[in-house]
């Protein structure tokens, strides 16, 4: 496998994933609420571990 093809493939998957996440965050759906709950729990856990 050519390195250039590998890098372009990896970059395209990364960009596509980011675009999908941004699009999902624009709508008020259960996926958005679930993701924000996970992020909030992670932030609370990190604060608890630091302080």
N, C-alpha and C. Protein backbone atom coordinates (compact mmCIF):
# COMPACT_ATOMS: atom_id res chain seq x y z
N UNK A 1 0.84 -1.17 0.00
CA UNK A 1 0.00 0.00 0.00
C UNK A 1 0.90 1.25 0.00
N UNK A 2 0.56 2.18 -0.83
CA UNK A 2 1.33 3.40 -0.94
C UNK A 2 1.05 4.31 0.26
N UNK A 3 2.09 4.95 0.78
CA UNK A 3 1.91 5.82 1.95
C UNK A 3 0.98 6.99 1.67
N UNK A 4 1.08 7.56 0.50
CA UNK A 4 0.24 8.71 0.15
C UNK A 4 -1.23 8.31 0.17
N UNK A 5 -1.54 7.15 -0.39
CA UNK A 5 -2.92 6.66 -0.40
C UNK A 5 -3.39 6.43 1.04
N UNK A 6 -2.53 5.87 1.86
CA UNK A 6 -2.88 5.64 3.26
C UNK A 6 -3.17 6.95 3.98
N UNK A 7 -2.31 7.94 3.80
CA UNK A 7 -2.51 9.23 4.46
C UNK A 7 -3.78 9.93 3.97
N UNK A 8 -4.03 9.91 2.67
CA UNK A 8 -5.26 10.52 2.15
C UNK A 8 -6.50 9.78 2.67
N UNK A 9 -6.43 8.48 2.74
CA UNK A 9 -7.56 7.70 3.26
C UNK A 9 -7.82 8.01 4.72
N UNK A 10 -6.77 8.06 5.52
CA UNK A 10 -6.90 8.36 6.93
C UNK A 10 -7.44 9.77 7.14
N UNK A 11 -6.93 10.72 6.40
CA UNK A 11 -7.38 12.11 6.52
C UNK A 11 -8.84 12.25 6.11
N UNK A 12 -9.25 11.54 5.06
CA UNK A 12 -10.64 11.66 4.61
C UNK A 12 -11.60 11.06 5.64
N UNK A 13 -11.23 9.96 6.26
CA UNK A 13 -12.08 9.37 7.31
C UNK A 13 -12.16 10.31 8.51
N UNK A 14 -11.05 10.92 8.88
CA UNK A 14 -11.02 11.85 10.01
C UNK A 14 -11.92 13.06 9.73
N UNK A 15 -11.80 13.64 8.56
CA UNK A 15 -12.60 14.82 8.20
C UNK A 15 -14.08 14.45 8.13
N UNK A 16 -14.40 13.31 7.55
CA UNK A 16 -15.79 12.87 7.46
C UNK A 16 -16.40 12.67 8.84
N UNK A 17 -15.65 12.09 9.75
CA UNK A 17 -16.13 11.89 11.11
C UNK A 17 -16.38 13.23 11.80
N UNK A 18 -15.46 14.16 11.66
CA UNK A 18 -15.65 15.48 12.27
C UNK A 18 -16.87 16.19 11.70
N UNK A 19 -17.08 16.11 10.40
CA UNK A 19 -18.24 16.74 9.78
C UNK A 19 -19.52 16.11 10.30
N UNK A 20 -19.54 14.80 10.43
CA UNK A 20 -20.74 14.12 10.95
C UNK A 20 -21.04 14.54 12.39
N UNK A 21 -20.01 14.66 13.21
CA UNK A 21 -20.21 15.08 14.59
C UNK A 21 -20.75 16.50 14.65
N UNK A 22 -20.20 17.39 13.83
CA UNK A 22 -20.67 18.78 13.81
C UNK A 22 -22.12 18.84 13.34
N UNK A 23 -22.47 18.07 12.34
CA UNK A 23 -23.85 18.06 11.84
C UNK A 23 -24.80 17.53 12.91
N UNK A 24 -24.41 16.48 13.61
CA UNK A 24 -25.26 15.95 14.67
C UNK A 24 -25.43 16.95 15.80
N UNK A 25 -24.41 17.77 16.08
CA UNK A 25 -24.52 18.76 17.14
C UNK A 25 -25.44 19.91 16.76
N UNK A 26 -25.72 20.07 15.49
CA UNK A 26 -26.60 21.16 15.05
C UNK A 26 -28.08 20.85 15.29
N UNK A 27 -28.42 19.57 15.44
CA UNK A 27 -29.80 19.18 15.63
C UNK A 27 -30.03 18.76 17.07
N UNK A 28 -31.23 18.98 17.57
CA UNK A 28 -31.58 18.56 18.92
C UNK A 28 -32.11 17.12 18.84
N UNK A 29 -31.21 16.19 19.00
CA UNK A 29 -31.58 14.78 18.91
C UNK A 29 -31.02 14.03 20.12
N UNK A 30 -31.45 12.81 20.33
CA UNK A 30 -30.96 12.03 21.48
C UNK A 30 -29.44 11.81 21.43
N UNK A 31 -28.87 11.70 20.23
CA UNK A 31 -27.42 11.50 20.11
C UNK A 31 -26.67 12.69 20.68
N UNK A 32 -27.17 13.89 20.40
CA UNK A 32 -26.52 15.10 20.90
C UNK A 32 -26.58 15.15 22.41
N UNK A 33 -27.74 14.89 22.97
CA UNK A 33 -27.89 14.92 24.43
C UNK A 33 -27.01 13.86 25.09
N UNK A 34 -26.94 12.68 24.50
CA UNK A 34 -26.10 11.61 25.05
C UNK A 34 -24.62 12.02 25.01
N UNK A 35 -24.19 12.59 23.90
CA UNK A 35 -22.79 13.00 23.77
C UNK A 35 -22.45 14.08 24.79
N UNK A 36 -23.34 15.06 24.96
CA UNK A 36 -23.07 16.13 25.91
C UNK A 36 -23.07 15.62 27.35
N UNK A 37 -23.90 14.62 27.64
CA UNK A 37 -23.86 14.01 28.98
C UNK A 37 -22.52 13.32 29.23
N UNK A 38 -22.01 12.64 28.22
CA UNK A 38 -20.71 11.96 28.34
C UNK A 38 -19.60 12.99 28.56
N UNK A 39 -19.64 14.07 27.81
CA UNK A 39 -18.62 15.12 27.95
C UNK A 39 -18.71 15.75 29.34
N UNK A 40 -19.92 16.04 29.80
CA UNK A 40 -20.09 16.61 31.14
C UNK A 40 -19.57 15.67 32.22
N UNK A 41 -19.84 14.39 32.09
CA UNK A 41 -19.36 13.42 33.07
C UNK A 41 -17.83 13.34 33.06
N UNK A 42 -17.24 13.41 31.89
CA UNK A 42 -15.78 13.39 31.79
C UNK A 42 -15.16 14.62 32.44
N UNK A 43 -15.76 15.79 32.21
CA UNK A 43 -15.24 17.02 32.81
C UNK A 43 -15.36 16.97 34.32
N UNK A 44 -16.50 16.50 34.82
CA UNK A 44 -16.69 16.37 36.28
C UNK A 44 -15.69 15.39 36.87
N UNK A 45 -15.45 14.29 36.17
CA UNK A 45 -14.49 13.30 36.66
C UNK A 45 -13.08 13.87 36.68
N UNK A 46 -12.73 14.62 35.64
CA UNK A 46 -11.39 15.22 35.58
C UNK A 46 -11.21 16.25 36.68
N UNK A 47 -12.25 17.05 36.95
CA UNK A 47 -12.17 18.04 38.03
C UNK A 47 -12.02 17.36 39.38
N UNK A 48 -12.75 16.26 39.56
CA UNK A 48 -12.68 15.53 40.82
C UNK A 48 -11.28 14.94 41.03
N UNK A 49 -10.66 14.47 39.97
CA UNK A 49 -9.33 13.87 40.08
C UNK A 49 -8.26 14.94 40.33
N UNK A 50 -8.46 16.15 39.82
CA UNK A 50 -7.47 17.20 39.97
C UNK A 50 -7.55 17.92 41.31
N UNK A 51 -8.75 18.02 41.86
CA UNK A 51 -8.92 18.81 43.08
C UNK A 51 -9.33 17.97 44.23
